[in-house]
């Protein structure tokens, strides 16, 4: 069974914060299918992160250019790698044994083959099923996130053919985390939210670990915020930008209820909540 991890940010309390050094040491950012004759690495408009071709990390598959890229998508979605041959095709990545990693895989079909046949296939982390990728109803693609502690210095991420369609991948990212954070083993991420009326995601460089924080808000809530820097001095290091906003029920006697969808009621969920005092 794959455990599901829910990261929900509930910023309600706060203090001042000192600035942190921001770099990409240990980051692996692969633009899947980027041809070897194109510039690599290159600096993305996505937070200034550096992306490289995946050519050196996999021996199979073919490159293709996406025909229909959703509005607002960055350069790494312009190409993809697809796997018309074989059942199981794997990336081989060098990692630090025992180091906790946030691993992300992105999938945007974009009718690259002109067939308008969106693929369904399985994604594996080593020998273990990570997720089933079903792009049939996901016009803008999807992504999968997992927190994992490799047991060796080599990590295999595999795409496995399960039917008539062809597996493909747009981008692959690994981010080293602190080992004393999320200390519950390998966990599949469900949501990482911050409570705000904003429509913008927050990630690197605001978050030094490049977690992707998505705004979450309800009509029956009132937003509160601060312009001060807010403390994030713990092993999880939530970014100050997501701690600057919070929600409180408009009706002071009502509860503040947060909900999330689940696929399997037998899964075990872990909730990580962060609090910050942002009002006197």
Protein backbone atom coordinates (compact mmCIF):
# COMPACT_ATOMS: atom_id res chain seq x y z
CA UNK A 1 0.00 0.00 0.00
CA UNK A 2 1.26 3.50 -0.82
CA UNK A 3 0.74 6.00 1.96
CA UNK A 4 -0.59 9.42 0.97
CA UNK A 5 0.86 12.58 2.45
CA UNK A 6 -1.20 15.74 2.76
CA UNK A 7 0.67 19.00 3.26
CA UNK A 8 -1.75 21.73 4.33
CA UNK A 9 -0.57 25.09 5.55
CA UNK A 10 -2.74 26.78 8.18
CA UNK A 11 -0.84 29.98 9.05
CA UNK A 12 -2.45 31.53 12.12
CA UNK A 13 0.51 32.65 14.34
CA UNK A 14 3.91 34.49 13.48
CA UNK A 15 7.34 36.02 14.35
CA UNK A 16 10.19 37.72 12.49
CA UNK A 17 12.48 35.79 10.19
CA UNK A 18 16.07 36.19 9.01
CA UNK A 19 16.81 35.82 5.30
CA UNK A 20 18.01 32.44 4.03
CA UNK A 21 20.61 31.59 1.45
CA UNK A 22 18.99 30.21 -1.69
CA UNK A 23 20.76 27.87 -4.11
CA UNK A 24 20.05 24.77 -6.15
CA UNK A 25 22.71 22.48 -4.69
CA UNK A 26 21.66 18.86 -5.15
CA UNK A 27 18.71 19.72 -7.41
CA UNK A 28 18.15 17.48 -10.44
CA UNK A 29 15.91 19.10 -13.08
CA UNK A 30 15.49 17.15 -16.32
CA UNK A 31 13.81 18.44 -19.46
CA UNK A 32 12.71 15.10 -20.89
CA UNK A 33 13.17 14.76 -24.63
CA UNK A 34 15.31 17.88 -25.01
CA UNK A 35 17.53 17.06 -28.02
CA UNK A 36 21.26 16.76 -27.37
CA UNK A 37 22.00 19.49 -29.94
CA UNK A 38 20.00 22.12 -28.02
CA UNK A 39 21.36 24.24 -25.18
CA UNK A 40 21.69 22.24 -21.97
CA UNK A 41 21.61 23.20 -19.21
CA UNK A 42 19.46 26.29 -19.61
CA UNK A 43 17.96 28.71 -17.10
CA UNK A 44 14.19 28.40 -16.93
CA UNK A 45 11.81 31.29 -16.39
CA UNK A 46 10.37 29.06 -13.67
CA UNK A 47 12.06 30.56 -10.62
CA UNK A 48 15.41 30.72 -12.42
CA UNK A 49 15.93 26.97 -12.10
CA UNK A 50 18.47 25.23 -14.35
CA UNK A 51 17.18 22.36 -16.50
CA UNK A 52 19.27 19.79 -18.38
CA UNK A 53 18.50 17.27 -21.11
CA UNK A 54 17.62 13.78 -19.86
CA UNK A 55 19.84 12.17 -22.54
CA UNK A 56 22.52 11.04 -20.05
CA UNK A 57 20.05 9.46 -17.65
CA UNK A 58 18.19 7.01 -19.89
CA UNK A 59 19.22 4.76 -22.77
CA UNK A 60 15.79 4.27 -24.39
CA UNK A 61 12.88 6.27 -25.72
CA UNK A 62 12.51 8.92 -28.40
CA UNK A 63 12.20 12.70 -28.35
CA UNK A 64 9.19 14.60 -29.64
CA UNK A 65 7.92 18.17 -29.70
CA UNK A 66 4.54 18.96 -28.19
CA UNK A 67 2.00 20.39 -30.63
CA UNK A 68 -0.44 21.92 -28.15
CA UNK A 69 1.18 23.46 -25.07
CA UNK A 70 -1.25 24.81 -22.44
CA UNK A 71 -1.03 28.57 -21.90
CA UNK A 72 1.52 29.63 -19.32
CA UNK A 73 3.59 26.44 -19.48
CA UNK A 74 7.38 26.91 -19.54
CA UNK A 75 10.09 25.58 -21.87
CA UNK A 76 10.47 22.14 -20.30
CA UNK A 77 6.98 21.24 -21.58
CA UNK A 78 7.88 21.92 -25.22
CA UNK A 79 9.45 18.48 -25.61
CA UNK A 80 8.85 15.05 -24.12
CA UNK A 81 10.28 11.55 -24.20
CA UNK A 82 8.04 8.70 -25.31
CA UNK A 83 8.65 4.97 -25.20
CA UNK A 84 7.25 3.01 -28.17
CA UNK A 85 9.50 -0.01 -27.49
CA UNK A 86 9.60 -2.36 -24.55
CA UNK A 87 7.34 -2.73 -21.54
CA UNK A 88 9.51 -1.07 -18.88
CA UNK A 89 11.81 1.90 -19.50
CA UNK A 90 13.78 3.39 -16.61
CA UNK A 91 15.73 6.50 -15.69
CA UNK A 92 18.88 5.84 -13.64
CA UNK A 93 19.72 8.73 -11.30
CA UNK A 94 22.66 9.11 -8.91
CA UNK A 95 21.47 10.02 -5.41
CA UNK A 96 22.78 9.98 -1.84
CA UNK A 97 21.82 6.79 -0.05
CA UNK A 98 19.64 7.52 2.97
CA UNK A 99 19.00 11.15 1.99
CA UNK A 100 15.36 12.17 1.83
CA UNK A 101 14.24 13.44 -1.59
CA UNK A 102 11.15 15.10 -2.98
CA UNK A 103 10.67 13.50 -6.41
CA UNK A 104 8.34 14.97 -9.04
CA UNK A 105 7.34 13.74 -12.48
CA UNK A 106 5.35 15.83 -14.99
CA UNK A 107 3.24 14.53 -17.87
CA UNK A 108 1.75 16.72 -20.63
CA UNK A 109 0.61 14.85 -23.74
CA UNK A 110 -0.14 17.89 -25.94
CA UNK A 111 -1.03 15.65 -28.93
CA UNK A 112 2.68 15.30 -29.74
CA UNK A 113 2.00 12.36 -32.08
CA UNK A 114 -0.99 13.91 -33.87
CA UNK A 115 -3.19 10.96 -32.89
CA UNK A 116 -5.13 12.65 -30.09
CA UNK A 117 -4.84 9.41 -28.10
CA UNK A 118 -4.01 10.25 -24.51
CA UNK A 119 -1.94 7.54 -22.81
CA UNK A 120 -2.55 5.46 -19.70
CA UNK A 121 0.43 3.73 -18.06
CA UNK A 122 2.10 3.03 -14.71
CA UNK A 123 4.88 4.93 -12.98
CA UNK A 124 7.26 2.97 -10.74
CA UNK A 125 9.84 3.99 -8.16
CA UNK A 126 12.28 1.10 -8.33
CA UNK A 127 10.22 -2.11 -7.99
CA UNK A 128 7.26 -0.34 -6.35
CA UNK A 129 4.20 1.14 -8.06
CA UNK A 130 4.17 4.89 -7.53
CA UNK A 131 1.09 5.92 -9.54
CA UNK A 132 -1.09 5.13 -12.53
CA UNK A 133 -0.90 7.98 -15.05
CA UNK A 134 -4.22 8.43 -16.85
CA UNK A 135 -4.23 11.44 -19.19
CA UNK A 136 -7.60 10.62 -20.78
CA UNK A 137 -9.44 13.39 -18.91
CA UNK A 138 -6.49 15.59 -17.95
CA UNK A 139 -6.24 18.05 -20.84
CA UNK A 140 -3.45 20.07 -19.22
CA UNK A 141 -1.53 17.04 -18.01
CA UNK A 142 -0.67 16.02 -14.47
CA UNK A 143 2.18 15.64 -12.02
CA UNK A 144 3.07 13.15 -9.30
CA UNK A 145 5.07 13.96 -6.15
CA UNK A 146 6.57 11.57 -3.62
CA UNK A 147 8.93 11.82 -0.64
CA UNK A 148 11.41 8.96 -0.64
CA UNK A 149 14.59 7.76 1.09
CA UNK A 150 16.71 5.81 -1.45
CA UNK A 151 18.29 2.64 -0.06
CA UNK A 152 21.22 2.83 -2.52
CA UNK A 153 23.12 5.48 -4.47
CA UNK A 154 21.17 4.64 -7.62
CA UNK A 155 17.49 5.46 -8.10
CA UNK A 156 15.36 3.99 -10.89
CA UNK A 157 12.20 5.77 -12.04
CA UNK A 158 10.35 3.62 -14.56
CA UNK A 159 7.49 4.06 -17.01
CA UNK A 160 5.62 0.82 -17.62
CA UNK A 161 3.32 0.10 -20.56
CA UNK A 162 -0.01 -1.39 -19.41
CA UNK A 163 -2.15 -1.26 -22.55
CA UNK A 164 -2.19 -0.08 -26.15
CA UNK A 165 -1.00 3.49 -25.54
CA UNK A 166 2.59 4.72 -25.29
CA UNK A 167 4.11 5.97 -22.01
CA UNK A 168 5.65 9.47 -22.07
CA UNK A 169 7.12 12.02 -19.67
CA UNK A 170 7.69 15.78 -19.85
CA UNK A 171 9.98 16.60 -16.92
CA UNK A 172 11.57 14.97 -13.89
CA UNK A 173 12.74 16.74 -10.73
CA UNK A 174 14.54 15.64 -7.57
CA UNK A 175 14.96 17.94 -4.57
CA UNK A 176 17.03 16.95 -1.50
CA UNK A 177 15.19 17.52 1.79
CA UNK A 178 16.22 17.58 5.43
CA UNK A 179 16.25 14.05 6.81
CA UNK A 180 14.48 15.14 10.00
CA UNK A 181 11.44 16.40 8.08
CA UNK A 182 8.42 14.27 7.15
CA UNK A 183 9.92 11.36 9.10
CA UNK A 184 7.26 8.81 8.21
CA UNK A 185 8.97 6.96 5.35
CA UNK A 186 8.11 7.12 1.64
CA UNK A 187 4.97 9.19 1.19
CA UNK A 188 2.97 10.11 -1.88
CA UNK A 189 1.99 13.78 -1.84
CA UNK A 190 -1.68 14.66 -2.15
CA UNK A 191 -1.74 18.41 -1.57
CA UNK A 192 0.51 21.20 -0.38
CA UNK A 193 -1.70 24.21 0.29
CA UNK A 194 -1.51 27.68 1.76
CA UNK A 195 -4.62 29.55 2.87
CA UNK A 196 -4.98 32.58 0.62
CA UNK A 197 -7.25 34.20 -1.98
CA UNK A 198 -4.26 34.35 -4.30
CA UNK A 199 -4.35 32.50 -7.63
CA UNK A 200 -0.58 31.96 -7.74
CA UNK A 201 1.48 28.95 -6.74
CA UNK A 202 4.54 29.46 -4.55
CA UNK A 203 7.70 27.41 -5.06
CA UNK A 204 11.46 28.01 -5.51
CA UNK A 205 13.05 30.45 -4.77
CA UNK A 206 10.55 31.36 -2.03
CA UNK A 207 10.71 27.73 -0.90
CA UNK A 208 14.33 26.59 -0.67
CA UNK A 209 13.21 22.95 -1.18
CA UNK A 210 11.04 23.85 -4.20
CA UNK A 211 7.82 22.42 -2.81
CA UNK A 212 4.82 23.60 -4.84
CA UNK A 213 2.26 25.41 -2.66
CA UNK A 214 -1.20 25.95 -4.16
CA UNK A 215 -3.69 28.49 -2.71
CA UNK A 216 -6.78 27.11 -0.97
CA UNK A 217 -9.68 29.25 0.23
CA UNK A 218 -13.43 29.06 0.93
CA UNK A 219 -16.17 31.66 0.64
CA UNK A 220 -17.08 31.38 4.31
CA UNK A 221 -13.57 32.42 5.35
CA UNK A 222 -11.92 35.81 5.86
CA UNK A 223 -8.31 36.27 4.83
CA UNK A 224 -5.83 37.85 7.23
CA UNK A 225 -2.28 38.78 6.28
CA UNK A 226 0.91 40.58 7.27
CA UNK A 227 3.70 42.42 5.46
CA UNK A 228 6.24 41.33 8.08
CA UNK A 229 8.60 38.42 7.60
CA UNK A 230 7.32 35.39 9.44
CA UNK A 231 9.35 32.73 11.27
CA UNK A 232 9.86 29.33 9.68
CA UNK A 233 12.57 28.08 12.01
CA UNK A 234 11.85 24.36 12.14
CA UNK A 235 12.96 21.27 10.24
CA UNK A 236 10.16 21.66 7.66
CA UNK A 237 11.19 25.24 6.77
CA UNK A 238 7.86 26.39 5.31
CA UNK A 239 8.50 29.47 3.14
CA UNK A 240 7.83 32.87 4.66
CA UNK A 241 5.62 33.87 1.73
CA UNK A 242 3.04 31.20 2.52
CA UNK A 243 3.06 32.09 6.21
CA UNK A 244 2.07 35.69 5.46
CA UNK A 245 -1.58 34.85 4.78
CA UNK A 246 -4.11 32.87 6.79
CA UNK A 247 -7.82 32.20 7.05
CA UNK A 248 -10.34 32.56 9.83
CA UNK A 249 -14.09 31.75 9.73
CA UNK A 250 -16.17 34.85 8.91
CA UNK A 251 -18.65 33.55 11.47
CA UNK A 252 -16.55 33.54 14.64
CA UNK A 253 -18.53 30.64 16.10
CA UNK A 254 -18.09 28.41 13.04
CA UNK A 255 -15.31 25.83 12.67
CA UNK A 256 -12.55 26.17 10.08
CA UNK A 257 -12.97 23.01 8.02
CA UNK A 258 -10.45 21.76 5.45
CA UNK A 259 -11.31 18.94 3.06
CA UNK A 260 -9.41 16.91 0.48
CA UNK A 261 -10.39 14.16 -1.98
CA UNK A 262 -9.21 10.60 -1.56
CA UNK A 263 -9.15 7.63 -3.90
CA UNK A 264 -8.83 4.74 -1.48
CA UNK A 265 -10.42 4.93 1.99
CA UNK A 266 -7.95 2.27 3.15
CA UNK A 267 -4.96 4.60 2.65
CA UNK A 268 -3.32 6.22 5.66
CA UNK A 269 -3.04 10.00 5.54
CA UNK A 270 -0.55 12.29 7.29
CA UNK A 271 -1.43 15.94 7.86
CA UNK A 272 1.33 18.51 8.42
CA UNK A 273 -0.05 21.87 9.59
CA UNK A 274 1.99 25.04 10.12
CA UNK A 275 0.85 27.88 12.38
CA UNK A 276 2.04 31.49 12.61
CA UNK A 277 0.77 34.48 14.58
CA UNK A 278 0.24 37.25 12.04
CA UNK A 279 -2.14 39.51 13.96
CA UNK A 280 -1.75 41.36 17.28
